[in-house]
Amino acid sequence: MPWYSELVNSNRSTTEFMKERFKNARFEIVEQHEIDDTIVRESRFISGDNLLVISKVFIPVENPPVFLERIREANMPLGGIIKENEYNVKRRTLSCNKSSKHYAIEGDVRAEVWETYLG
């Protein structure tokens, strides 16, 4: 069973899962830009030389200004920002397969996330 099977089938924060499962995993933003009323962020989690997760996140600018400020700083995972500010959110899976998941974050802040799990 692959390491990510638990993550695919849960509504758990990917950031928290990665911190627990891979103590040395690092988060990197590949690219972040704004298109119309949306911030588009492409990022990944890496452990050693292994690429573990790639994600694309769409964040509407109709979110709280403090949240958007932290996103625009482009140095922290989405889940970390949510936890740091104690935002009340729910993750709702929209679709998934053996190695990827598409979900919505809803509540105090909103975003739509596509993740692919590797390794």
PDB file of N, CA and C in Angstrom:
ATOM      1  N   MET A   1       0.852  -1.175   0.000  1.00  0.00           N
ATOM      2  CA  MET A   1       0.000   0.000   0.000  1.00  0.00           C
ATOM      3  C   MET A   1       0.901   1.242   0.000  1.00  0.00           C
ATOM      4  N   PRO A   2       0.679   2.188  -0.914  1.00  0.00           N
ATOM      5  CA  PRO A   2       1.524   3.395  -0.974  1.00  0.00           C
ATOM      6  C   PRO A   2       1.342   4.290   0.254  1.00  0.00           C
ATOM      7  N   TRP A   3       2.366   5.072   0.544  1.00  0.00           N
ATOM      8  CA  TRP A   3       2.354   5.947   1.720  1.00  0.00           C
ATOM      9  C   TRP A   3       1.184   6.913   1.715  1.00  0.00           C
ATOM     10  N   TYR A   4       0.697   7.298   0.560  1.00  0.00           N
ATOM     11  CA  TYR A   4      -0.327   8.347   0.449  1.00  0.00           C
ATOM     12  C   TYR A   4      -1.756   7.818   0.450  1.00  0.00           C
ATOM     13  N   SER A   5      -1.958   6.511   0.515  1.00  0.00           N
ATOM     14  CA  SER A   5      -3.326   5.975   0.427  1.00  0.00           C
ATOM     15  C   SER A   5      -4.224   6.527   1.534  1.00  0.00           C
ATOM     16  N   GLU A   6      -3.684   6.692   2.733  1.00  0.00           N
ATOM     17  CA  GLU A   6      -4.461   7.269   3.829  1.00  0.00           C
ATOM     18  C   GLU A   6      -4.868   8.712   3.514  1.00  0.00           C
ATOM     19  N   LEU A   7      -3.971   9.452   2.901  1.00  0.00           N
ATOM     20  CA  LEU A   7      -4.228  10.859   2.578  1.00  0.00           C
ATOM     21  C   LEU A   7      -5.286  11.003   1.488  1.00  0.00           C
ATOM     22  N   VAL A   8      -5.232  10.154   0.480  1.00  0.00           N
ATOM     23  CA  VAL A   8      -6.215  10.211  -0.612  1.00  0.00           C
ATOM     24  C   VAL A   8      -7.621  10.007  -0.082  1.00  0.00           C
ATOM     25  N   ASN A   9      -7.761   9.144   0.905  1.00  0.00           N
ATOM     26  CA  ASN A   9      -9.087   8.770   1.401  1.00  0.00           C
ATOM     27  C   ASN A   9      -9.520   9.510   2.661  1.00  0.00           C
ATOM     28  N   SER A  10      -8.909  10.673   2.921  1.00  0.00           N
ATOM     29  CA  SER A  10      -9.302  11.423   4.112  1.00  0.00           C
ATOM     30  C   SER A  10      -9.477  12.903   3.775  1.00  0.00           C
ATOM     31  N   ASN A  11     -10.029  13.627   4.713  1.00  0.00           N
ATOM     32  CA  ASN A  11     -10.166  15.078   4.575  1.00  0.00           C
ATOM     33  C   ASN A  11      -9.155  15.789   5.461  1.00  0.00           C
ATOM     34  N   ARG A  12      -8.107  15.122   5.769  1.00  0.00           N
ATOM     35  CA  ARG A  12      -7.049  15.634   6.634  1.00  0.00           C
ATOM     36  C   ARG A  12      -6.194  16.662   5.901  1.00  0.00           C
ATOM     37  N   SER A  13      -5.606  17.581   6.635  1.00  0.00           N
ATOM     38  CA  SER A  13      -4.700  18.565   6.069  1.00  0.00           C
ATOM     39  C   SER A  13      -3.452  17.872   5.526  1.00  0.00           C
ATOM     40  N   THR A  14      -3.129  18.123   4.277  1.00  0.00           N
ATOM     41  CA  THR A  14      -1.924  17.548   3.678  1.00  0.00           C
ATOM     42  C   THR A  14      -0.685  18.051   4.408  1.00  0.00           C
ATOM     43  N   THR A  15      -0.666  19.326   4.773  1.00  0.00           N
ATOM     44  CA  THR A  15       0.473  19.898   5.484  1.00  0.00           C
ATOM     45  C   THR A  15       0.721  19.166   6.799  1.00  0.00           C
ATOM     46  N   GLU A  16      -0.314  18.970   7.594  1.00  0.00           N
ATOM     47  CA  GLU A  16      -0.163  18.263   8.868  1.00  0.00           C
ATOM     48  C   GLU A  16       0.271  16.821   8.649  1.00  0.00           C
ATOM     49  N   PHE A  17      -0.320  16.165   7.668  1.00  0.00           N
ATOM     50  CA  PHE A  17       0.041  14.784   7.362  1.00  0.00           C
ATOM     51  C   PHE A  17       1.519  14.684   6.991  1.00  0.00           C
ATOM     52  N   MET A  18       1.991  15.583   6.137  1.00  0.00           N
ATOM     53  CA  MET A  18       3.384  15.550   5.695  1.00  0.00           C
ATOM     54  C   MET A  18       4.336  15.807   6.859  1.00  0.00           C
ATOM     55  N   LYS A  19       3.991  16.732   7.729  1.00  0.00           N
ATOM     56  CA  LYS A  19       4.841  17.035   8.888  1.00  0.00           C
ATOM     57  C   LYS A  19       4.957  15.835   9.821  1.00  0.00           C
ATOM     58  N   GLU A  20       3.869  15.087   9.975  1.00  0.00           N
ATOM     59  CA  GLU A  20       3.889  13.911  10.848  1.00  0.00           C
ATOM     60  C   GLU A  20       4.605  12.731  10.197  1.00  0.00           C
ATOM     61  N   ARG A  21       4.324  12.512   8.929  1.00  0.00           N
ATOM     62  CA  ARG A  21       4.826  11.324   8.234  1.00  0.00           C
ATOM     63  C   ARG A  21       6.282  11.463   7.780  1.00  0.00           C
ATOM     64  N   PHE A  22       6.653  12.650   7.326  1.00  0.00           N
ATOM     65  CA  PHE A  22       7.995  12.902   6.794  1.00  0.00           C
ATOM     66  C   PHE A  22       8.600  14.080   7.548  1.00  0.00           C
ATOM     67  N   LYS A  23       9.301  13.801   8.621  1.00  0.00           N
ATOM     68  CA  LYS A  23       9.827  14.849   9.500  1.00  0.00           C
ATOM     69  C   LYS A  23      10.731  15.840   8.770  1.00  0.00           C
ATOM     70  N   ASN A  24      11.434  15.397   7.735  1.00  0.00           N
ATOM     71  CA  ASN A  24      12.366  16.272   7.015  1.00  0.00           C
ATOM     72  C   ASN A  24      11.794  16.821   5.702  1.00  0.00           C
ATOM     73  N   ALA A  25      10.503  16.621   5.474  1.00  0.00           N
ATOM     74  CA  ALA A  25       9.902  17.119   4.233  1.00  0.00           C
ATOM     75  C   ALA A  25       9.939  18.642   4.217  1.00  0.00           C
ATOM     76  N   ARG A  26      10.209  19.174   3.056  1.00  0.00           N
ATOM     77  CA  ARG A  26      10.202  20.629   2.919  1.00  0.00           C
ATOM     78  C   ARG A  26       9.160  21.028   1.879  1.00  0.00           C
ATOM     79  N   PHE A  27       8.633  22.214   2.085  1.00  0.00           N
ATOM     80  CA  PHE A  27       7.613  22.789   1.222  1.00  0.00           C
ATOM     81  C   PHE A  27       8.282  23.806   0.307  1.00  0.00           C
ATOM     82  N   GLU A  28       7.918  23.781  -0.969  1.00  0.00           N
ATOM     83  CA  GLU A  28       8.448  24.749  -1.928  1.00  0.00           C
ATOM     84  C   GLU A  28       7.323  25.252  -2.824  1.00  0.00           C
ATOM     85  N   ILE A  29       7.342  26.542  -3.082  1.00  0.00           N
ATOM     86  CA  ILE A  29       6.420  27.101  -4.069  1.00  0.00           C
ATOM     87  C   ILE A  29       7.158  27.140  -5.402  1.00  0.00           C
ATOM     88  N   VAL A  30       6.572  26.508  -6.392  1.00  0.00           N
ATOM     89  CA  VAL A  30       7.152  26.460  -7.729  1.00  0.00           C
ATOM     90  C   VAL A  30       6.827  27.754  -8.466  1.00  0.00           C
ATOM     91  N   GLU A  31       5.569  28.175  -8.358  1.00  0.00           N
ATOM     92  CA  GLU A  31       5.119  29.397  -9.027  1.00  0.00           C
ATOM     93  C   GLU A  31       3.862  29.898  -8.335  1.00  0.00           C
ATOM     94  N   GLN A  32       3.725  31.209  -8.279  1.00  0.00           N
ATOM     95  CA  GLN A  32       2.514  31.812  -7.738  1.00  0.00           C
ATOM     96  C   GLN A  32       2.248  33.096  -8.499  1.00  0.00           C
ATOM     97  N   HIS A  33       1.011  33.250  -8.970  1.00  0.00           N
ATOM     98  CA  HIS A  33       0.641  34.456  -9.702  1.00  0.00           C
ATOM     99  C   HIS A  33      -0.862  34.702  -9.535  1.00  0.00           C
ATOM    100  N   GLU A  34      -1.277  35.895  -9.924  1.00  0.00           N
ATOM    101  CA  GLU A  34      -2.694  36.237  -9.845  1.00  0.00           C
ATOM    102  C   GLU A  34      -3.259  36.390 -11.244  1.00  0.00           C
ATOM    103  N   ILE A  35      -4.405  35.777 -11.439  1.00  0.00           N
ATOM    104  CA  ILE A  35      -5.148  35.879 -12.691  1.00  0.00           C
ATOM    105  C   ILE A  35      -6.558  36.312 -12.333  1.00  0.00           C
ATOM    106  N   ASP A  36      -6.972  37.428 -12.887  1.00  0.00           N
ATOM    107  CA  ASP A  36      -8.299  37.966 -12.580  1.00  0.00           C
ATOM    108  C   ASP A  36      -8.464  38.098 -11.068  1.00  0.00           C
ATOM    109  N   ASP A  37      -9.425  37.393 -10.492  1.00  0.00           N
ATOM    110  CA  ASP A  37      -9.710  37.488  -9.058  1.00  0.00           C
ATOM    111  C   ASP A  37      -9.252  36.252  -8.293  1.00  0.00           C
ATOM    112  N   THR A  38      -8.177  35.623  -8.787  1.00  0.00           N
ATOM    113  CA  THR A  38      -7.720  34.370  -8.188  1.00  0.00           C
ATOM    114  C   THR A  38      -6.196  34.338  -8.076  1.00  0.00           C
ATOM    115  N   ILE A  39      -5.715  33.862  -6.941  1.00  0.00           N
ATOM    116  CA  ILE A  39      -4.290  33.579  -6.777  1.00  0.00           C
ATOM    117  C   ILE A  39      -4.104  32.101  -7.138  1.00  0.00           C
ATOM    118  N   VAL A  40      -3.177  31.844  -8.037  1.00  0.00           N
ATOM    119  CA  VAL A  40      -2.877  30.473  -8.459  1.00  0.00           C
ATOM    120  C   VAL A  40      -1.501  30.119  -7.912  1.00  0.00           C
ATOM    121  N   ARG A  41      -1.449  29.049  -7.161  1.00  0.00           N
ATOM    122  CA  ARG A  41      -0.196  28.636  -6.522  1.00  0.00           C
ATOM    123  C   ARG A  41       0.112  27.188  -6.905  1.00  0.00           C
ATOM    124  N   GLU A  42       1.320  26.975  -7.420  1.00  0.00           N
ATOM    125  CA  GLU A  42       1.804  25.629  -7.665  1.00  0.00           C
ATOM    126  C   GLU A  42       2.919  25.374  -6.660  1.00  0.00           C
ATOM    127  N   SER A  43       2.822  24.248  -5.957  1.00  0.00           N
ATOM    128  CA  SER A  43       3.800  23.962  -4.910  1.00  0.00           C
ATOM    129  C   SER A  43       4.066  22.468  -4.842  1.00  0.00           C
ATOM    130  N   ARG A  44       4.996  22.110  -3.941  1.00  0.00           N
ATOM    131  CA  ARG A  44       5.341  20.700  -3.776  1.00  0.00           C
ATOM    132  C   ARG A  44       5.932  20.462  -2.396  1.00  0.00           C
ATOM    133  N   PHE A  45       5.864  19.206  -1.985  1.00  0.00           N
ATOM    134  CA  PHE A  45       6.558  18.728  -0.796  1.00  0.00           C
ATOM    135  C   PHE A  45       7.626  17.763  -1.266  1.00  0.00           C
ATOM    136  N   ILE A  46       8.832  17.918  -0.712  1.00  0.00           N
ATOM    137  CA  ILE A  46       9.979  17.103  -1.089  1.00  0.00           C
ATOM    138  C   ILE A  46      10.629  16.578   0.183  1.00  0.00           C
ATOM    139  N   SER A  47      11.069  15.329   0.152  1.00  0.00           N
ATOM    140  CA  SER A  47      11.835  14.760   1.250  1.00  0.00           C
ATOM    141  C   SER A  47      13.122  14.207   0.654  1.00  0.00           C
ATOM    142  N   GLY A  48      14.250  14.784   1.059  1.00  0.00           N
ATOM    143  CA  GLY A  48      15.528  14.406   0.445  1.00  0.00           C
ATOM    144  C   GLY A  48      15.491  14.763  -1.027  1.00  0.00           C
ATOM    145  N   ASP A  49      15.703  13.775  -1.873  1.00  0.00           N
ATOM    146  CA  ASP A  49      15.624  13.980  -3.326  1.00  0.00           C
ATOM    147  C   ASP A  49      14.295  13.514  -3.893  1.00  0.00           C
ATOM    148  N   ASN A  50      13.371  13.117  -3.027  1.00  0.00           N
ATOM    149  CA  ASN A  50      12.102  12.538  -3.476  1.00  0.00           C
ATOM    150  C   ASN A  50      10.974  13.557  -3.499  1.00  0.00           C
ATOM    151  N   LEU A  51      10.404  13.737  -4.662  1.00  0.00           N
ATOM    152  CA  LEU A  51       9.214  14.567  -4.819  1.00  0.00           C
ATOM    153  C   LEU A  51       8.024  13.741  -4.353  1.00  0.00           C
ATOM    154  N   LEU A  52       7.303  14.232  -3.355  1.00  0.00           N
ATOM    155  CA  LEU A  52       6.210  13.478  -2.747  1.00  0.00           C
ATOM    156  C   LEU A  52       4.829  13.961  -3.155  1.00  0.00           C
ATOM    157  N   VAL A  53       4.639  15.279  -3.183  1.00  0.00           N
ATOM    158  CA  VAL A  53       3.330  15.854  -3.503  1.00  0.00           C
ATOM    159  C   VAL A  53       3.534  17.057  -4.404  1.00  0.00           C
ATOM    160  N   ILE A  54       2.733  17.125  -5.464  1.00  0.00           N
ATOM    161  CA  ILE A  54       2.654  18.354  -6.244  1.00  0.00           C
ATOM    162  C   ILE A  54       1.211  18.841  -6.161  1.00  0.00           C
ATOM    163  N   SER A  55       1.050  20.152  -6.052  1.00  0.00           N
ATOM    164  CA  SER A  55      -0.311  20.665  -5.921  1.00  0.00           C
ATOM    165  C   SER A  55      -0.480  21.959  -6.694  1.00  0.00           C
ATOM    166  N   LYS A  56      -1.714  22.189  -7.066  1.00  0.00           N
ATOM    167  CA  LYS A  56      -2.124  23.445  -7.695  1.00  0.00           C
ATOM    168  C   LYS A  56      -3.337  23.918  -6.918  1.00  0.00           C
ATOM    169  N   VAL A  57      -3.261  25.164  -6.442  1.00  0.00           N
ATOM    170  CA  VAL A  57      -4.311  25.714  -5.590  1.00  0.00           C
ATOM    171  C   VAL A  57      -4.840  26.995  -6.209  1.00  0.00           C
ATOM    172  N   PHE A  58      -6.148  27.136  -6.218  1.00  0.00           N
ATOM    173  CA  PHE A  58      -6.818  28.344  -6.690  1.00  0.00           C
ATOM    174  C   PHE A  58      -7.472  29.002  -5.484  1.00  0.00           C
ATOM    175  N   ILE A  59      -7.041  30.227  -5.186  1.00  0.00           N
ATOM    176  CA  ILE A  59      -7.495  30.942  -3.998  1.00  0.00           C
ATOM    177  C   ILE A  59      -8.204  32.226  -4.431  1.00  0.00           C
ATOM    178  N   PRO A  60      -9.511  32.305  -4.250  1.00  0.00           N
ATOM    179  CA  PRO A  60     -10.228  33.525  -4.630  1.00  0.00           C
ATOM    180  C   PRO A  60      -9.781  34.714  -3.787  1.00  0.00           C
ATOM    181  N   VAL A  61      -9.726  35.886  -4.390  1.00  0.00           N
ATOM    182  CA  VAL A  61      -9.329  37.079  -3.635  1.00  0.00           C
ATOM    183  C   VAL A  61     -10.464  37.595  -2.757  1.00  0.00           C
ATOM    184  N   GLU A  62     -11.601  36.929  -2.761  1.00  0.00           N
ATOM    185  CA  GLU A  62     -12.691  37.263  -1.844  1.00  0.00           C
ATOM    186  C   GLU A  62     -12.510  36.569  -0.505  1.00  0.00           C
ATOM    187  N   ASN A  63     -11.285  36.350  -0.109  1.00  0.00           N
ATOM    188  CA  ASN A  63     -10.939  35.780   1.189  1.00  0.00           C
ATOM    189  C   ASN A  63     -10.531  36.911   2.126  1.00  0.00           C
ATOM    190  N   PRO A  64     -10.415  36.639   3.433  1.00  0.00           N
ATOM    191  CA  PRO A  64     -10.001  37.680   4.385  1.00  0.00           C
ATOM    192  C   PRO A  64      -8.636  38.273   4.015  1.00  0.00           C
ATOM    193  N   PRO A  65      -8.471  39.587   4.151  1.00  0.00           N
ATOM    194  CA  PRO A  65      -7.210  40.250   3.784  1.00  0.00           C
ATOM    195  C   PRO A  65      -5.972  39.676   4.484  1.00  0.00           C
ATOM    196  N   VAL A  66      -6.090  39.305   5.749  1.00  0.00           N
ATOM    197  CA  VAL A  66      -4.936  38.740   6.473  1.00  0.00           C
ATOM    198  C   VAL A  66      -4.516  37.410   5.843  1.00  0.00           C
ATOM    199  N   PHE A  67      -5.476  36.597   5.478  1.00  0.00           N
ATOM    200  CA  PHE A  67      -5.202  35.325   4.816  1.00  0.00           C
ATOM    201  C   PHE A  67      -4.496  35.563   3.482  1.00  0.00           C
ATOM    202  N   LEU A  68      -5.024  36.486   2.688  1.00  0.00           N
ATOM    203  CA  LEU A  68      -4.424  36.783   1.381  1.00  0.00           C
ATOM    204  C   LEU A  68      -3.009  37.334   1.532  1.00  0.00           C
ATOM    205  N   GLU A  69      -2.790  38.131   2.561  1.00  0.00           N
ATOM    206  CA  GLU A  69      -1.446  38.669   2.813  1.00  0.00           C
ATOM    207  C   GLU A  69      -0.454  37.535   3.058  1.00  0.00           C
ATOM    208  N   ARG A  70      -0.854  36.556   3.863  1.00  0.00           N
ATOM    209  CA  ARG A  70       0.022  35.405   4.151  1.00  0.00           C
ATOM    210  C   ARG A  70       0.254  34.562   2.891  1.00  0.00           C
ATOM    211  N   ILE A  71      -0.780  34.398   2.086  1.00  0.00           N
ATOM    212  CA  ILE A  71      -0.631  33.654   0.821  1.00  0.00           C
ATOM    213  C   ILE A  71       0.357  34.378  -0.078  1.00  0.00           C
ATOM    214  N   ARG A  72       0.204  35.669  -0.206  1.00  0.00           N
ATOM    215  CA  ARG A  72       1.075  36.458  -1.101  1.00  0.00           C
ATOM    216  C   ARG A  72       2.531  36.478  -0.633  1.00  0.00           C
ATOM    217  N   GLU A  73       2.773  36.262   0.646  1.00  0.00           N
ATOM    218  CA  GLU A  73       4.157  36.179   1.127  1.00  0.00           C
ATOM    219  C   GLU A  73       4.877  34.963   0.540  1.00  0.00           C
ATOM    220  N   ALA A  74       4.116  33.975   0.103  1.00  0.00           N
ATOM    221  CA  ALA A  74       4.613  32.812  -0.635  1.00  0.00           C
ATOM    222  C   ALA A  74       5.746  32.065   0.070  1.00  0.00           C
ATOM    223  N   ASN A  75       5.582  31.818   1.361  1.00  0.00           N
ATOM    224  CA  ASN A  75       6.630  31.078   2.055  1.00  0.00           C
ATOM    225  C   ASN A  75       6.095  29.976   2.976  1.00  0.00           C
ATOM    226  N   MET A  76       4.789  29.751   2.943  1.00  0.00           N
ATOM    227  CA  MET A  76       4.194  28.791   3.872  1.00  0.00           C
ATOM    228  C   MET A  76       3.095  27.993   3.162  1.00  0.00           C
ATOM    229  N   PRO A  77       2.951  26.708   3.503  1.00  0.00           N
ATOM    230  CA  PRO A  77       1.864  25.922   2.916  1.00  0.00           C
ATOM    231  C   PRO A  77       0.496  26.449   3.337  1.00  0.00           C
ATOM    232  N   LEU A  78      -0.473  26.217   2.501  1.00  0.00           N
ATOM    233  CA  LEU A  78      -1.844  26.641   2.766  1.00  0.00           C
ATOM    234  C   LEU A  78      -2.328  26.105   4.114  1.00  0.00           C
ATOM    235  N   GLY A  79      -2.089  24.820   4.379  1.00  0.00           N
ATOM    236  CA  GLY A  79      -2.516  24.224   5.641  1.00  0.00           C
ATOM    237  C   GLY A  79      -1.871  24.882   6.848  1.00  0.00           C
ATOM    238  N   GLY A  80      -0.625  25.305   6.701  1.00  0.00           N
ATOM    239  CA  GLY A  80       0.066  26.000   7.787  1.00  0.00           C
ATOM    240  C   GLY A  80      -0.550  27.352   8.083  1.00  0.00           C
ATOM    241  N   ILE A  81      -0.929  28.051   7.035  1.00  0.00           N
ATOM    242  CA  ILE A  81      -1.573  29.360   7.199  1.00  0.00           C
ATOM    243  C   ILE A  81      -2.931  29.195   7.874  1.00  0.00           C
ATOM    244  N   ILE A  82      -3.670  28.179   7.456  1.00  0.00           N
ATOM    245  CA  ILE A  82      -4.982  27.915   8.059  1.00  0.00           C
ATOM    246  C   ILE A  82      -4.828  27.602   9.545  1.00  0.00           C
ATOM    247  N   LYS A  83      -3.875  26.745   9.862  1.00  0.00           N
ATOM    248  CA  LYS A  83      -3.670  26.369  11.269  1.00  0.00           C
ATOM    249  C   LYS A  83      -3.161  27.545  12.098  1.00  0.00           C
ATOM    250  N   GLU A  84      -2.190  28.275  11.574  1.00  0.00           N
ATOM    251  CA  GLU A  84      -1.593  29.408  12.292  1.00  0.00           C
ATOM    252  C   GLU A  84      -2.630  30.450  12.694  1.00  0.00           C
ATOM    253  N   ASN A  85      -3.595  30.678  11.827  1.00  0.00           N
ATOM    254  CA  ASN A  85      -4.621  31.697  12.082  1.00  0.00           C
ATOM    255  C   ASN A  85      -5.904  31.115  12.659  1.00  0.00           C
ATOM    256  N   GLU A  86      -5.906  29.810  12.926  1.00  0.00           N
ATOM    257  CA  GLU A  86      -7.047  29.117  13.520  1.00  0.00           C
ATOM    258  C   GLU A  86      -8.343  29.320  12.737  1.00  0.00           C
ATOM    259  N   TYR A  87      -8.212  29.283  11.396  1.00  0.00           N
ATOM    260  CA  TYR A  87      -9.408  29.383  10.561  1.00  0.00           C
ATOM    261  C   TYR A  87     -10.220  28.099  10.699  1.00  0.00           C
ATOM    262  N   ASN A  88     -11.513  28.253  10.772  1.00  0.00           N
ATOM    263  CA  ASN A  88     -12.420  27.119  10.836  1.00  0.00           C
ATOM    264  C   ASN A  88     -12.773  26.731   9.406  1.00  0.00           C
ATOM    265  N   VAL A  89     -12.290  25.567   8.969  1.00  0.00           N
ATOM    266  CA  VAL A  89     -12.535  25.112   7.600  1.00  0.00           C
ATOM    267  C   VAL A  89     -12.909  23.641   7.585  1.00  0.00           C
ATOM    268  N   LYS A  90     -13.513  23.246   6.483  1.00  0.00           N
ATOM    269  CA  LYS A  90     -13.779  21.841   6.179  1.00  0.00           C
ATOM    270  C   LYS A  90     -13.207  21.571   4.801  1.00  0.00           C
ATOM    271  N   ARG A  91     -12.673  20.381   4.635  1.00  0.00           N
ATOM    272  CA  ARG A  91     -12.168  19.943   3.340  1.00  0.00           C
ATOM    273  C   ARG A  91     -13.191  18.977   2.758  1.00  0.00           C
ATOM    274  N   ARG A  92     -13.661  19.285   1.559  1.00  0.00           N
ATOM    275  CA  ARG A  92     -14.680  18.453   0.907  1.00  0.00           C
ATOM    276  C   ARG A  92     -14.074  17.887  -0.370  1.00  0.00           C
ATOM    277  N   THR A  93     -13.923  16.558  -0.422  1.00  0.00           N
ATOM    278  CA  THR A  93     -13.355  15.906  -1.600  1.00  0.00           C
ATOM    279  C   THR A  93     -14.339  15.998  -2.753  1.00  0.00           C
ATOM    280  N   LEU A  94     -13.841  16.497  -3.890  1.00  0.00           N
ATOM    281  CA  LEU A  94     -14.661  16.614  -5.095  1.00  0.00           C
ATOM    282  C   LEU A  94     -14.443  15.419  -6.008  1.00  0.00           C
ATOM    283  N   SER A  95     -13.203  14.907  -6.043  1.00  0.00           N
ATOM    284  CA  SER A  95     -12.900  13.687  -6.796  1.00  0.00           C
ATOM    285  C   SER A  95     -11.540  13.177  -6.329  1.00  0.00           C
ATOM    286  N   CYS A  96     -11.318  11.881  -6.549  1.00  0.00           N
ATOM    287  CA  CYS A  96     -10.015  11.308  -6.221  1.00  0.00           C
ATOM    288  C   CYS A  96      -9.837  10.003  -6.988  1.00  0.00           C
ATOM    289  N   ASN A  97      -8.589   9.593  -7.098  1.00  0.00           N
ATOM    290  CA  ASN A  97      -8.276   8.278  -7.648  1.00  0.00           C
ATOM    291  C   ASN A  97      -7.160   7.689  -6.803  1.00  0.00           C
ATOM    292  N   LYS A  98      -6.420   6.716  -7.307  1.00  0.00           N
ATOM    293  CA  LYS A  98      -5.401   6.037  -6.507  1.00  0.00           C
ATOM    294  C   LYS A  98      -4.288   6.956  -6.038  1.00  0.00           C
ATOM    295  N   SER A  99      -3.976   8.010  -6.828  1.00  0.00           N
ATOM    296  CA  SER A  99      -2.813   8.825  -6.471  1.00  0.00           C
ATOM    297  C   SER A  99      -3.037  10.331  -6.604  1.00  0.00           C
ATOM    298  N   SER A 100      -4.286  10.755  -6.603  1.00  0.00           N
ATOM    299  CA  SER A 100      -4.543  12.200  -6.656  1.00  0.00           C
ATOM    300  C   SER A 100      -5.889  12.517  -6.025  1.00  0.00           C
ATOM    301  N   LYS A 101      -6.037  13.795  -5.693  1.00  0.00           N
ATOM    302  CA  LYS A 101      -7.281  14.243  -5.068  1.00  0.00           C
ATOM    303  C   LYS A 101      -7.551  15.692  -5.462  1.00  0.00           C
ATOM    304  N   HIS A 102      -8.802  15.995  -5.674  1.00  0.00           N
ATOM    305  CA  HIS A 102      -9.283  17.350  -5.957  1.00  0.00           C
ATOM    306  C   HIS A 102     -10.281  17.656  -4.846  1.00  0.00           C
ATOM    307  N   TYR A 103     -10.021  18.745  -4.102  1.00  0.00           N
ATOM    308  CA  TYR A 103     -10.920  19.059  -2.996  1.00  0.00           C
ATOM    309  C   TYR A 103     -11.096  20.561  -2.821  1.00  0.00           C
ATOM    310  N   ALA A 104     -12.147  20.901  -2.101  1.00  0.00           N
ATOM    311  CA  ALA A 104     -12.453  22.298  -1.796  1.00  0.00           C
ATOM    312  C   ALA A 104     -12.233  22.529  -0.312  1.00  0.00           C
ATOM    313  N   ILE A 105     -11.691  23.687   0.011  1.00  0.00           N
ATOM    314  CA  ILE A 105     -11.581  24.143   1.392  1.00  0.00           C
ATOM    315  C   ILE A 105     -12.654  25.209   1.559  1.00  0.00           C
ATOM    316  N   GLU A 106     -13.511  25.013   2.556  1.00  0.00           N
ATOM    317  CA  GLU A 106     -14.651  25.902   2.754  1.00  0.00           C
ATOM    318  C   GLU A 106     -14.754  26.293   4.217  1.00  0.00           C
ATOM    319  N   GLY A 107     -15.242  27.485   4.467  1.00  0.00           N
ATOM    320  CA  GLY A 107     -15.416  27.967   5.841  1.00  0.00           C
ATOM    321  C   GLY A 107     -14.931  29.396   5.949  1.00  0.00           C
ATOM    322  N   ASP A 108     -14.070  29.655   6.942  1.00  0.00           N
ATOM    323  CA  ASP A 108     -13.538  31.009   7.137  1.00  0.00           C
ATOM    324  C   ASP A 108     -12.727  31.483   5.928  1.00  0.00           C
ATOM    325  N   VAL A 109     -12.091  30.539   5.237  1.00  0.00           N
ATOM    326  CA  VAL A 109     -11.363  30.836   3.997  1.00  0.00           C
ATOM    327  C   VAL A 109     -11.763  29.796   2.958  1.00  0.00           C
ATOM    328  N   ARG A 110     -11.546  30.145   1.700  1.00  0.00           N
ATOM    329  CA  ARG A 110     -11.935  29.246   0.609  1.00  0.00           C
ATOM    330  C   ARG A 110     -10.770  29.047  -0.355  1.00  0.00           C
ATOM    331  N   ALA A 111     -10.684  27.827  -0.897  1.00  0.00           N
ATOM    332  CA  ALA A 111      -9.687  27.511  -1.914  1.00  0.00           C
ATOM    333  C   ALA A 111     -10.105  26.203  -2.582  1.00  0.00           C
ATOM    334  N   GLU A 112      -9.563  25.962  -3.762  1.00  0.00           N
ATOM    335  CA  GLU A 112      -9.772  24.705  -4.452  1.00  0.00           C
ATOM    336  C   GLU A 112      -8.398  24.124  -4.757  1.00  0.00           C
ATOM    337  N   VAL A 113      -8.214  22.833  -4.445  1.00  0.00           N
ATOM    338  CA  VAL A 113      -6.895  22.215  -4.467  1.00  0.00           C
ATOM    339  C   VAL A 113      -6.899  20.946  -5.314  1.00  0.00           C
ATOM    340  N   TRP A 114      -5.857  20.798  -6.144  1.00  0.00           N
ATOM    341  CA  TRP A 114      -5.587  19.571  -6.886  1.00  0.00           C
ATOM    342  C   TRP A 114      -4.230  19.068  -6.408  1.00  0.00           C
ATOM    343  N   GLU A 115      -4.173  17.833  -5.907  1.00  0.00           N
ATOM    344  CA  GLU A 115      -2.906  17.268  -5.440  1.00  0.00           C
ATOM    345  C   GLU A 115      -2.647  15.944  -6.140  1.00  0.00           C
ATOM    346  N   THR A 116      -1.375  15.718  -6.460  1.00  0.00           N
ATOM    347  CA  THR A 116      -0.918  14.441  -6.996  1.00  0.00           C
ATOM    348  C   THR A 116       0.158  13.925  -6.055  1.00  0.00           C
ATOM    349  N   TYR A 117       0.035  12.654  -5.683  1.00  0.00           N
ATOM    350  CA  TYR A 117       0.948  12.025  -4.733  1.00  0.00           C
ATOM    351  C   TYR A 117       1.881  11.093  -5.490  1.00  0.00           C
ATOM    352  N   LEU A 118       3.167  11.178  -5.176  1.00  0.00           N
ATOM    353  CA  LEU A 118       4.194  10.437  -5.899  1.00  0.00           C
ATOM    354  C   LEU A 118       4.986   9.544  -4.949  1.00  0.00           C
ATOM    355  N   GLY A 119       5.798   8.706  -5.522  1.00  0.00           N
ATOM    356  CA  GLY A 119       6.715   7.905  -4.722  1.00  0.00           C
ATOM    357  C   GLY A 119       6.103   6.620  -4.354  1.00  0.00           C
TER     358      GLY A 119
END
